[in-house]
Amino acid sequence: MEGCTNAAALTREIQQLGYRGDVNTVRRHLRPYRTGTIPTDAPLPHVTVRRVTDWIMRRPEQLTDIERKCLDELCERSPALATTTQYARRLASMVRERRSEHLALDVWLADVRLDGQRELRTLAAGIRRDRAAVLAALTTTHTSGAVEGNVTRIKLLKRQMYGRANFDLLRRRILLSP
């Protein structure tokens, strides 16, 4: 708004403030300013599946006004998306808060079975099959993250060593690597 239309300079400036986009996005945004037609309100964000999924899975209070407006408009256009959003947020809050109420999960599964879309019913069927594991994940504070991290590290070392040396060297690298 101060009159600077140099995309590279603006990109550097806003990247210092935390912007993670690239110079081409800034160039596209500046195009109307260069022609003299300055938009009166902020442009709506480009809608992608990944972006809408992010809006749905984030807590509603963490959405900006523009993101909330776009998601509300999309949900008005598609009742299926509105239903999916409602169920996804309920499940995400159960997982985030690690609520151990067995009844909450059962109510969610029953609701999805009654009026959810086919994809949600498939997800619910998978959760029902592994109900014990899902309840354990919701009720315990233990995680296998450290073990999974070590397994990933060992597999990476194994791939790097493939065809180069014998088992003794691989064992030594695994034991001595941080």
N, C-alpha and C. Protein backbone atom coordinates (compact mmCIF):
# COMPACT_ATOMS: atom_id res chain seq x y z
N MET A 1 0.83 -1.19 0.00
CA MET A 1 0.00 0.00 0.00
C MET A 1 0.87 1.26 0.00
N GLU A 2 2.15 1.13 0.29
CA GLU A 2 3.05 2.28 0.30
C GLU A 2 3.59 2.59 -1.08
N GLY A 3 3.21 1.82 -2.10
CA GLY A 3 3.62 2.10 -3.47
C GLY A 3 4.74 1.22 -3.99
N CYS A 4 5.31 0.37 -3.18
CA CYS A 4 6.39 -0.52 -3.63
C CYS A 4 5.77 -1.68 -4.40
N THR A 5 6.19 -1.85 -5.67
CA THR A 5 5.68 -2.96 -6.47
C THR A 5 6.80 -3.90 -6.90
N ASN A 6 7.94 -3.82 -6.26
CA ASN A 6 9.05 -4.72 -6.54
C ASN A 6 8.81 -6.02 -5.78
N ALA A 7 8.48 -7.08 -6.51
CA ALA A 7 8.10 -8.35 -5.88
C ALA A 7 9.24 -8.94 -5.06
N ALA A 8 10.46 -8.86 -5.56
CA ALA A 8 11.60 -9.45 -4.84
C ALA A 8 11.82 -8.74 -3.51
N ALA A 9 11.75 -7.41 -3.53
CA ALA A 9 11.96 -6.64 -2.30
C ALA A 9 10.85 -6.92 -1.29
N LEU A 10 9.60 -6.95 -1.77
CA LEU A 10 8.50 -7.23 -0.86
C LEU A 10 8.57 -8.65 -0.30
N THR A 11 8.98 -9.59 -1.14
CA THR A 11 9.10 -10.98 -0.68
C THR A 11 10.13 -11.08 0.44
N ARG A 12 11.28 -10.45 0.25
CA ARG A 12 12.31 -10.46 1.31
C ARG A 12 11.77 -9.85 2.60
N GLU A 13 11.05 -8.75 2.45
CA GLU A 13 10.53 -8.05 3.62
C GLU A 13 9.51 -8.89 4.38
N ILE A 14 8.58 -9.51 3.67
CA ILE A 14 7.55 -10.27 4.39
C ILE A 14 8.05 -11.65 4.81
N GLN A 15 9.11 -12.17 4.17
CA GLN A 15 9.68 -13.43 4.64
C GLN A 15 10.35 -13.24 5.99
N GLN A 16 10.86 -12.06 6.25
CA GLN A 16 11.43 -11.77 7.57
C GLN A 16 10.34 -11.73 8.64
N LEU A 17 9.10 -11.49 8.21
CA LEU A 17 7.98 -11.48 9.15
C LEU A 17 7.33 -12.85 9.30
N GLY A 18 7.85 -13.86 8.55
CA GLY A 18 7.33 -15.21 8.70
C GLY A 18 6.63 -15.78 7.48
N TYR A 19 6.55 -15.04 6.39
CA TYR A 19 5.91 -15.54 5.17
C TYR A 19 6.73 -16.68 4.59
N ARG A 20 6.05 -17.80 4.21
CA ARG A 20 6.77 -18.96 3.70
C ARG A 20 6.58 -19.17 2.20
N GLY A 21 5.88 -18.28 1.54
CA GLY A 21 5.63 -18.42 0.12
C GLY A 21 6.81 -17.97 -0.72
N ASP A 22 6.63 -17.98 -2.03
CA ASP A 22 7.73 -17.60 -2.92
C ASP A 22 7.42 -16.30 -3.64
N VAL A 23 8.38 -15.85 -4.43
CA VAL A 23 8.29 -14.56 -5.10
C VAL A 23 7.19 -14.56 -6.17
N ASN A 24 6.91 -15.71 -6.78
CA ASN A 24 5.87 -15.75 -7.82
C ASN A 24 4.49 -15.47 -7.26
N THR A 25 4.22 -15.93 -6.06
CA THR A 25 2.94 -15.65 -5.42
C THR A 25 2.80 -14.15 -5.16
N VAL A 26 3.86 -13.53 -4.70
CA VAL A 26 3.84 -12.09 -4.46
C VAL A 26 3.65 -11.35 -5.78
N ARG A 27 4.32 -11.80 -6.85
CA ARG A 27 4.16 -11.18 -8.18
C ARG A 27 2.71 -11.21 -8.64
N ARG A 28 2.06 -12.40 -8.47
CA ARG A 28 0.65 -12.52 -8.88
C ARG A 28 -0.23 -11.57 -8.08
N HIS A 29 0.08 -11.42 -6.80
CA HIS A 29 -0.72 -10.53 -5.95
C HIS A 29 -0.52 -9.06 -6.36
N LEU A 30 0.68 -8.71 -6.81
CA LEU A 30 0.98 -7.31 -7.15
C LEU A 30 0.46 -6.89 -8.52
N ARG A 31 0.11 -7.81 -9.37
CA ARG A 31 -0.29 -7.49 -10.74
C ARG A 31 -1.37 -6.41 -10.81
N PRO A 32 -2.46 -6.49 -10.04
CA PRO A 32 -3.46 -5.42 -10.14
C PRO A 32 -2.93 -4.06 -9.67
N TYR A 33 -2.01 -4.05 -8.72
CA TYR A 33 -1.46 -2.79 -8.22
C TYR A 33 -0.62 -2.10 -9.29
N ARG A 34 0.04 -2.88 -10.13
CA ARG A 34 0.89 -2.30 -11.18
C ARG A 34 0.05 -1.65 -12.27
N THR A 35 -1.12 -2.20 -12.54
CA THR A 35 -1.98 -1.65 -13.59
C THR A 35 -2.82 -0.48 -13.09
N GLY A 36 -2.78 -0.23 -11.77
CA GLY A 36 -3.52 0.91 -11.23
C GLY A 36 -4.88 0.55 -10.68
N THR A 37 -5.30 -0.70 -10.81
CA THR A 37 -6.60 -1.11 -10.26
C THR A 37 -6.36 -1.76 -8.92
N ILE A 38 -6.37 -0.97 -7.88
CA ILE A 38 -6.10 -1.49 -6.54
C ILE A 38 -7.38 -2.09 -5.98
N PRO A 39 -7.36 -3.36 -5.58
CA PRO A 39 -8.57 -3.97 -5.02
C PRO A 39 -8.91 -3.36 -3.67
N THR A 40 -10.20 -3.22 -3.41
CA THR A 40 -10.63 -2.58 -2.16
C THR A 40 -10.57 -3.55 -0.98
N ASP A 41 -10.80 -4.83 -1.23
CA ASP A 41 -10.73 -5.78 -0.13
C ASP A 41 -9.69 -6.87 -0.46
N ALA A 42 -9.30 -7.60 0.53
CA ALA A 42 -8.26 -8.61 0.35
C ALA A 42 -8.77 -9.72 -0.57
N PRO A 43 -7.91 -10.19 -1.47
CA PRO A 43 -8.35 -11.26 -2.37
C PRO A 43 -8.55 -12.57 -1.59
N LEU A 44 -9.49 -13.37 -2.06
CA LEU A 44 -9.73 -14.66 -1.42
C LEU A 44 -8.57 -15.59 -1.74
N PRO A 45 -8.17 -16.43 -0.80
CA PRO A 45 -7.06 -17.34 -1.06
C PRO A 45 -7.42 -18.37 -2.11
N HIS A 46 -6.41 -18.83 -2.84
CA HIS A 46 -6.61 -19.88 -3.83
C HIS A 46 -7.00 -21.15 -3.09
N VAL A 47 -8.12 -21.74 -3.46
CA VAL A 47 -8.65 -22.89 -2.74
C VAL A 47 -8.10 -24.18 -3.36
N THR A 48 -7.43 -24.96 -2.52
CA THR A 48 -6.96 -26.29 -2.90
C THR A 48 -7.48 -27.28 -1.88
N VAL A 49 -7.42 -28.55 -2.22
CA VAL A 49 -7.87 -29.60 -1.30
C VAL A 49 -7.06 -29.55 -0.02
N ARG A 50 -5.76 -29.40 -0.16
CA ARG A 50 -4.88 -29.35 1.02
C ARG A 50 -5.22 -28.18 1.92
N ARG A 51 -5.50 -27.03 1.32
CA ARG A 51 -5.81 -25.83 2.11
C ARG A 51 -7.14 -26.00 2.84
N VAL A 52 -8.16 -26.54 2.15
CA VAL A 52 -9.46 -26.74 2.79
C VAL A 52 -9.34 -27.78 3.91
N THR A 53 -8.55 -28.83 3.68
CA THR A 53 -8.32 -29.83 4.73
C THR A 53 -7.67 -29.19 5.94
N ASP A 54 -6.73 -28.30 5.71
CA ASP A 54 -6.08 -27.59 6.81
C ASP A 54 -7.10 -26.75 7.58
N TRP A 55 -7.99 -26.07 6.87
CA TRP A 55 -9.01 -25.26 7.52
C TRP A 55 -9.93 -26.12 8.38
N ILE A 56 -10.28 -27.29 7.86
CA ILE A 56 -11.19 -28.18 8.58
C ILE A 56 -10.53 -28.73 9.84
N MET A 57 -9.27 -29.13 9.74
CA MET A 57 -8.61 -29.79 10.85
C MET A 57 -8.08 -28.83 11.91
N ARG A 58 -7.91 -27.56 11.57
CA ARG A 58 -7.48 -26.59 12.57
C ARG A 58 -8.64 -26.25 13.49
N ARG A 59 -8.31 -25.81 14.68
CA ARG A 59 -9.35 -25.35 15.60
C ARG A 59 -10.03 -24.12 14.98
N PRO A 60 -11.35 -24.03 15.06
CA PRO A 60 -12.06 -22.90 14.43
C PRO A 60 -11.56 -21.54 14.90
N GLU A 61 -11.15 -21.42 16.16
CA GLU A 61 -10.69 -20.12 16.65
C GLU A 61 -9.33 -19.73 16.10
N GLN A 62 -8.61 -20.67 15.48
CA GLN A 62 -7.30 -20.37 14.89
C GLN A 62 -7.40 -19.94 13.43
N LEU A 63 -8.58 -19.98 12.85
CA LEU A 63 -8.76 -19.56 11.46
C LEU A 63 -8.86 -18.04 11.39
N THR A 64 -8.31 -17.49 10.31
CA THR A 64 -8.48 -16.06 10.07
C THR A 64 -9.91 -15.82 9.57
N ASP A 65 -10.31 -14.57 9.54
CA ASP A 65 -11.66 -14.25 9.09
C ASP A 65 -11.88 -14.67 7.64
N ILE A 66 -10.86 -14.48 6.80
CA ILE A 66 -10.99 -14.84 5.38
C ILE A 66 -11.11 -16.36 5.24
N GLU A 67 -10.29 -17.10 5.98
CA GLU A 67 -10.34 -18.57 5.91
C GLU A 67 -11.70 -19.07 6.40
N ARG A 68 -12.18 -18.51 7.48
CA ARG A 68 -13.49 -18.92 8.01
C ARG A 68 -14.59 -18.61 7.01
N LYS A 69 -14.51 -17.44 6.37
CA LYS A 69 -15.52 -17.05 5.38
C LYS A 69 -15.50 -18.01 4.19
N CYS A 70 -14.29 -18.34 3.71
CA CYS A 70 -14.19 -19.26 2.57
C CYS A 70 -14.73 -20.64 2.92
N LEU A 71 -14.38 -21.13 4.10
CA LEU A 71 -14.86 -22.46 4.50
C LEU A 71 -16.37 -22.45 4.67
N ASP A 72 -16.92 -21.39 5.24
CA ASP A 72 -18.38 -21.29 5.39
C ASP A 72 -19.07 -21.28 4.03
N GLU A 73 -18.50 -20.55 3.07
CA GLU A 73 -19.09 -20.51 1.73
C GLU A 73 -19.05 -21.88 1.07
N LEU A 74 -17.92 -22.58 1.23
CA LEU A 74 -17.80 -23.93 0.66
C LEU A 74 -18.80 -24.88 1.31
N CYS A 75 -18.97 -24.77 2.61
CA CYS A 75 -19.92 -25.64 3.31
C CYS A 75 -21.37 -25.33 2.91
N GLU A 76 -21.66 -24.05 2.62
CA GLU A 76 -23.01 -23.69 2.15
C GLU A 76 -23.28 -24.30 0.78
N ARG A 77 -22.25 -24.30 -0.08
CA ARG A 77 -22.41 -24.86 -1.43
C ARG A 77 -22.52 -26.38 -1.42
N SER A 78 -21.86 -27.02 -0.45
CA SER A 78 -21.82 -28.48 -0.42
C SER A 78 -22.23 -28.98 0.96
N PRO A 79 -23.44 -29.47 1.08
CA PRO A 79 -23.87 -30.03 2.37
C PRO A 79 -23.01 -31.23 2.80
N ALA A 80 -22.50 -31.98 1.83
CA ALA A 80 -21.64 -33.12 2.16
C ALA A 80 -20.36 -32.64 2.84
N LEU A 81 -19.80 -31.53 2.35
CA LEU A 81 -18.60 -30.98 2.98
C LEU A 81 -18.91 -30.45 4.38
N ALA A 82 -20.09 -29.87 4.56
CA ALA A 82 -20.48 -29.38 5.89
C ALA A 82 -20.56 -30.54 6.88
N THR A 83 -21.17 -31.65 6.45
CA THR A 83 -21.28 -32.83 7.32
C THR A 83 -19.90 -33.40 7.62
N THR A 84 -19.07 -33.50 6.59
CA THR A 84 -17.71 -34.03 6.78
C THR A 84 -16.93 -33.15 7.73
N THR A 85 -17.06 -31.84 7.59
CA THR A 85 -16.37 -30.90 8.48
C THR A 85 -16.79 -31.12 9.92
N GLN A 86 -18.08 -31.27 10.14
CA GLN A 86 -18.59 -31.47 11.50
C GLN A 86 -18.01 -32.74 12.11
N TYR A 87 -18.04 -33.86 11.38
CA TYR A 87 -17.53 -35.12 11.92
C TYR A 87 -16.01 -35.10 12.09
N ALA A 88 -15.31 -34.49 11.15
CA ALA A 88 -13.85 -34.43 11.24
C ALA A 88 -13.42 -33.61 12.44
N ARG A 89 -14.10 -32.51 12.70
CA ARG A 89 -13.75 -31.67 13.85
C ARG A 89 -14.05 -32.37 15.17
N ARG A 90 -15.15 -33.12 15.21
CA ARG A 90 -15.46 -33.87 16.44
C ARG A 90 -14.39 -34.93 16.70
N LEU A 91 -13.98 -35.65 15.67
CA LEU A 91 -12.95 -36.68 15.84
C LEU A 91 -11.61 -36.04 16.20
N ALA A 92 -11.27 -34.94 15.54
CA ALA A 92 -10.00 -34.27 15.81
C ALA A 92 -9.96 -33.76 17.25
N SER A 93 -11.06 -33.25 17.77
CA SER A 93 -11.06 -32.77 19.15
C SER A 93 -10.91 -33.93 20.13
N MET A 94 -11.50 -35.09 19.82
CA MET A 94 -11.30 -36.27 20.68
C MET A 94 -9.83 -36.67 20.72
N VAL A 95 -9.19 -36.67 19.54
CA VAL A 95 -7.79 -37.07 19.47
C VAL A 95 -6.89 -36.03 20.13
N ARG A 96 -7.15 -34.75 19.84
CA ARG A 96 -6.33 -33.68 20.38
C ARG A 96 -6.39 -33.62 21.90
N GLU A 97 -7.58 -33.73 22.43
CA GLU A 97 -7.77 -33.61 23.88
C GLU A 97 -7.57 -34.94 24.60
N ARG A 98 -7.39 -36.02 23.83
CA ARG A 98 -7.21 -37.36 24.39
C ARG A 98 -8.30 -37.67 25.41
N ARG A 99 -9.53 -37.42 24.98
CA ARG A 99 -10.66 -37.70 25.86
C ARG A 99 -10.81 -39.21 25.99
N SER A 100 -10.89 -39.68 27.19
CA SER A 100 -10.92 -41.12 27.41
C SER A 100 -12.34 -41.65 27.57
N GLU A 101 -13.33 -40.84 27.29
CA GLU A 101 -14.70 -41.32 27.40
C GLU A 101 -14.97 -42.30 26.26
N HIS A 102 -15.23 -43.53 26.62
CA HIS A 102 -15.51 -44.54 25.60
C HIS A 102 -16.80 -44.19 24.87
N LEU A 103 -17.70 -43.55 25.58
CA LEU A 103 -18.99 -43.23 25.00
C LEU A 103 -18.87 -42.21 23.87
N ALA A 104 -17.94 -41.25 23.98
CA ALA A 104 -17.79 -40.23 22.93
C ALA A 104 -17.42 -40.86 21.60
N LEU A 105 -16.49 -41.81 21.63
CA LEU A 105 -16.11 -42.49 20.39
C LEU A 105 -17.26 -43.32 19.85
N ASP A 106 -17.98 -44.01 20.74
CA ASP A 106 -19.12 -44.82 20.30
C ASP A 106 -20.22 -43.96 19.69
N VAL A 107 -20.46 -42.79 20.27
CA VAL A 107 -21.47 -41.88 19.73
C VAL A 107 -21.04 -41.39 18.35
N TRP A 108 -19.76 -41.04 18.21
CA TRP A 108 -19.25 -40.58 16.92
C TRP A 108 -19.40 -41.69 15.86
N LEU A 109 -19.03 -42.91 16.22
CA LEU A 109 -19.14 -44.03 15.28
C LEU A 109 -20.60 -44.27 14.88
N ALA A 110 -21.50 -44.19 15.84
CA ALA A 110 -22.92 -44.40 15.54
C ALA A 110 -23.47 -43.29 14.65
N ASP A 111 -23.08 -42.04 14.94
CA ASP A 111 -23.55 -40.92 14.11
C ASP A 111 -23.06 -41.05 12.68
N VAL A 112 -21.80 -41.43 12.51
CA VAL A 112 -21.25 -41.58 11.16
C VAL A 112 -21.94 -42.72 10.44
N ARG A 113 -22.22 -43.78 11.16
CA ARG A 113 -22.90 -44.93 10.53
C ARG A 113 -24.28 -44.53 10.04
N LEU A 114 -24.98 -43.67 10.78
CA LEU A 114 -26.33 -43.30 10.41
C LEU A 114 -26.39 -42.30 9.26
N ASP A 115 -25.58 -41.23 9.30
CA ASP A 115 -25.76 -40.21 8.27
C ASP A 115 -24.47 -39.69 7.65
N GLY A 116 -23.37 -40.40 7.80
CA GLY A 116 -22.13 -39.96 7.19
C GLY A 116 -22.01 -40.38 5.74
N GLN A 117 -21.08 -39.78 5.03
CA GLN A 117 -20.81 -40.17 3.66
C GLN A 117 -20.11 -41.53 3.62
N ARG A 118 -20.01 -42.09 2.44
CA ARG A 118 -19.41 -43.41 2.27
C ARG A 118 -17.98 -43.43 2.78
N GLU A 119 -17.20 -42.39 2.50
CA GLU A 119 -15.80 -42.34 2.94
C GLU A 119 -15.71 -42.30 4.46
N LEU A 120 -16.62 -41.54 5.10
CA LEU A 120 -16.62 -41.49 6.56
C LEU A 120 -17.04 -42.83 7.15
N ARG A 121 -18.00 -43.48 6.50
CA ARG A 121 -18.41 -44.81 6.99
C ARG A 121 -17.27 -45.81 6.87
N THR A 122 -16.47 -45.70 5.81
CA THR A 122 -15.30 -46.56 5.66
C THR A 122 -14.29 -46.31 6.76
N LEU A 123 -14.04 -45.03 7.06
CA LEU A 123 -13.14 -44.68 8.16
C LEU A 123 -13.66 -45.23 9.48
N ALA A 124 -14.95 -45.06 9.72
CA ALA A 124 -15.55 -45.55 10.96
C ALA A 124 -15.46 -47.07 11.06
N ALA A 125 -15.61 -47.77 9.94
CA ALA A 125 -15.49 -49.23 9.96
C ALA A 125 -14.07 -49.64 10.32
N GLY A 126 -13.07 -48.93 9.82
CA GLY A 126 -11.69 -49.21 10.17
C GLY A 126 -11.42 -48.94 11.65
N ILE A 127 -11.98 -47.86 12.16
CA ILE A 127 -11.82 -47.55 13.59
C ILE A 127 -12.51 -48.62 14.43
N ARG A 128 -13.68 -49.08 13.98
CA ARG A 128 -14.40 -50.12 14.70
C ARG A 128 -13.60 -51.42 14.74
N ARG A 129 -12.93 -51.75 13.63
CA ARG A 129 -12.12 -52.98 13.58
C ARG A 129 -10.96 -52.90 14.57
N ASP A 130 -10.34 -51.72 14.68
CA ASP A 130 -9.20 -51.53 15.58
C ASP A 130 -9.60 -50.74 16.82
N ARG A 131 -10.80 -50.96 17.30
CA ARG A 131 -11.36 -50.19 18.40
C ARG A 131 -10.45 -50.21 19.64
N ALA A 132 -9.90 -51.36 19.97
CA ALA A 132 -9.05 -51.46 21.16
C ALA A 132 -7.81 -50.58 21.01
N ALA A 133 -7.20 -50.58 19.84
CA ALA A 133 -6.01 -49.76 19.62
C ALA A 133 -6.36 -48.28 19.65
N VAL A 134 -7.49 -47.90 19.08
CA VAL A 134 -7.90 -46.49 19.08
C VAL A 134 -8.20 -46.03 20.50
N LEU A 135 -8.91 -46.84 21.26
CA LEU A 135 -9.19 -46.48 22.66
C LEU A 135 -7.90 -46.38 23.46
N ALA A 136 -6.95 -47.28 23.21
CA ALA A 136 -5.66 -47.20 23.91
C ALA A 136 -4.93 -45.91 23.55
N ALA A 137 -5.00 -45.52 22.29
CA ALA A 137 -4.35 -44.28 21.87
C ALA A 137 -5.01 -43.06 22.51
N LEU A 138 -6.32 -43.13 22.71
CA LEU A 138 -7.03 -42.00 23.31
C LEU A 138 -6.88 -41.94 24.82
N THR A 139 -6.62 -43.08 25.45
CA THR A 139 -6.62 -43.11 26.92
C THR A 139 -5.23 -43.11 27.54
N THR A 140 -4.21 -43.56 26.83
CA THR A 140 -2.89 -43.62 27.43
C THR A 140 -2.04 -42.45 26.97
N THR A 141 -1.03 -42.16 27.77
CA THR A 141 -0.12 -41.08 27.41
C THR A 141 1.16 -41.62 26.78
N HIS A 142 1.27 -42.93 26.70
CA HIS A 142 2.47 -43.53 26.12
C HIS A 142 2.43 -43.45 24.61
N THR A 143 3.60 -43.33 24.01
CA THR A 143 3.69 -43.27 22.56
C THR A 143 4.88 -44.09 22.08
N SER A 144 4.79 -44.56 20.86
CA SER A 144 5.90 -45.33 20.28
C SER A 144 6.75 -44.46 19.36
N GLY A 145 6.63 -43.16 19.51
CA GLY A 145 7.35 -42.23 18.64
C GLY A 145 8.86 -42.40 18.68
N ALA A 146 9.43 -42.60 19.87
CA ALA A 146 10.89 -42.75 19.98
C ALA A 146 11.35 -44.02 19.29
N VAL A 147 10.59 -45.09 19.46
CA VAL A 147 10.95 -46.36 18.82
C VAL A 147 10.86 -46.23 17.31
N GLU A 148 9.77 -45.62 16.83
CA GLU A 148 9.59 -45.44 15.39
C GLU A 148 10.70 -44.57 14.81
N GLY A 149 11.13 -43.56 15.55
CA GLY A 149 12.23 -42.72 15.09
C GLY A 149 13.52 -43.50 14.95
N ASN A 150 13.81 -44.38 15.91
CA ASN A 150 15.01 -45.21 15.82
C ASN A 150 14.93 -46.20 14.67
N VAL A 151 13.75 -46.77 14.46
CA VAL A 151 13.59 -47.70 13.33
C VAL A 151 13.84 -46.98 12.01
N THR A 152 13.31 -45.77 11.88
CA THR A 152 13.53 -44.99 10.66
C THR A 152 15.01 -44.67 10.47
N ARG A 153 15.69 -44.31 11.56
CA ARG A 153 17.13 -44.01 11.48
C ARG A 153 17.93 -45.24 11.06
N ILE A 154 17.60 -46.40 11.62
CA ILE A 154 18.32 -47.63 11.27
C ILE A 154 18.07 -48.01 9.81
N LYS A 155 16.84 -47.85 9.35
CA LYS A 155 16.54 -48.15 7.94
C LYS A 155 17.30 -47.21 7.01
N LEU A 156 17.42 -45.96 7.39
CA LEU A 156 18.18 -45.01 6.58
C LEU A 156 19.65 -45.42 6.50
N LEU A 157 20.24 -45.79 7.65
CA LEU A 157 21.63 -46.24 7.65
C LEU A 157 21.79 -47.51 6.81
N LYS A 158 20.84 -48.40 6.92
CA LYS A 158 20.90 -49.65 6.15
C LYS A 158 20.86 -49.36 4.65
N ARG A 159 19.98 -48.43 4.25
CA ARG A 159 19.91 -48.07 2.83
C ARG A 159 21.20 -47.43 2.35
N GLN A 160 21.80 -46.59 3.18
CA GLN A 160 23.06 -45.94 2.81
C GLN A 160 24.19 -46.96 2.66
N MET A 161 24.14 -48.02 3.44
CA MET A 161 25.22 -49.01 3.46
C MET A 161 25.02 -50.13 2.44
N TYR A 162 23.89 -50.17 1.77
CA TYR A 162 23.57 -51.29 0.90
C TYR A 162 24.67 -51.54 -0.13
N GLY A 163 25.21 -52.76 -0.13
CA GLY A 163 26.21 -53.18 -1.11
C GLY A 163 27.60 -52.64 -0.86
N ARG A 164 27.86 -51.99 0.26
CA ARG A 164 29.15 -51.36 0.47
C ARG A 164 30.04 -52.10 1.46
N ALA A 165 29.47 -52.71 2.45
CA ALA A 165 30.31 -53.33 3.47
C ALA A 165 29.54 -54.48 4.10
N ASN A 166 30.13 -55.05 5.12
CA ASN A 166 29.51 -56.21 5.75
C ASN A 166 28.67 -55.78 6.97
N PHE A 167 28.09 -56.77 7.62
CA PHE A 167 27.20 -56.53 8.75
C PHE A 167 27.91 -55.86 9.92
N ASP A 168 29.19 -56.20 10.13
CA ASP A 168 29.93 -55.62 11.26
C ASP A 168 30.01 -54.10 11.17
N LEU A 169 30.26 -53.58 9.97
CA LEU A 169 30.34 -52.13 9.81
C LEU A 169 28.96 -51.49 10.00
N LEU A 170 27.91 -52.13 9.48
CA LEU A 170 26.55 -51.62 9.68
C LEU A 170 26.22 -51.58 11.17
N ARG A 171 26.53 -52.63 11.88
CA ARG A 171 26.28 -52.70 13.33
C ARG A 171 27.03 -51.58 14.05
N ARG A 172 28.27 -51.37 13.68
CA ARG A 172 29.08 -50.33 14.32
C ARG A 172 28.47 -48.94 14.05
N ARG A 173 28.03 -48.69 12.81
CA ARG A 173 27.43 -47.39 12.48
C ARG A 173 26.14 -47.17 13.26
N ILE A 174 25.34 -48.24 13.41
CA ILE A 174 24.07 -48.12 14.15
C ILE A 174 24.35 -47.80 15.62
N LEU A 175 25.32 -48.48 16.19
CA LEU A 175 25.59 -48.29 17.61
C LEU A 175 26.27 -46.95 17.90
N LEU A 176 27.06 -46.45 16.97
CA LEU A 176 27.83 -45.22 17.21
C LEU A 176 27.14 -43.96 16.70
N SER A 177 26.09 -44.10 15.92
CA SER A 177 25.43 -42.89 15.40
C SER A 177 24.55 -42.30 16.51
N PRO A 178 24.42 -40.97 16.51
CA PRO A 178 23.65 -40.31 17.59
C PRO A 178 22.17 -40.56 17.48
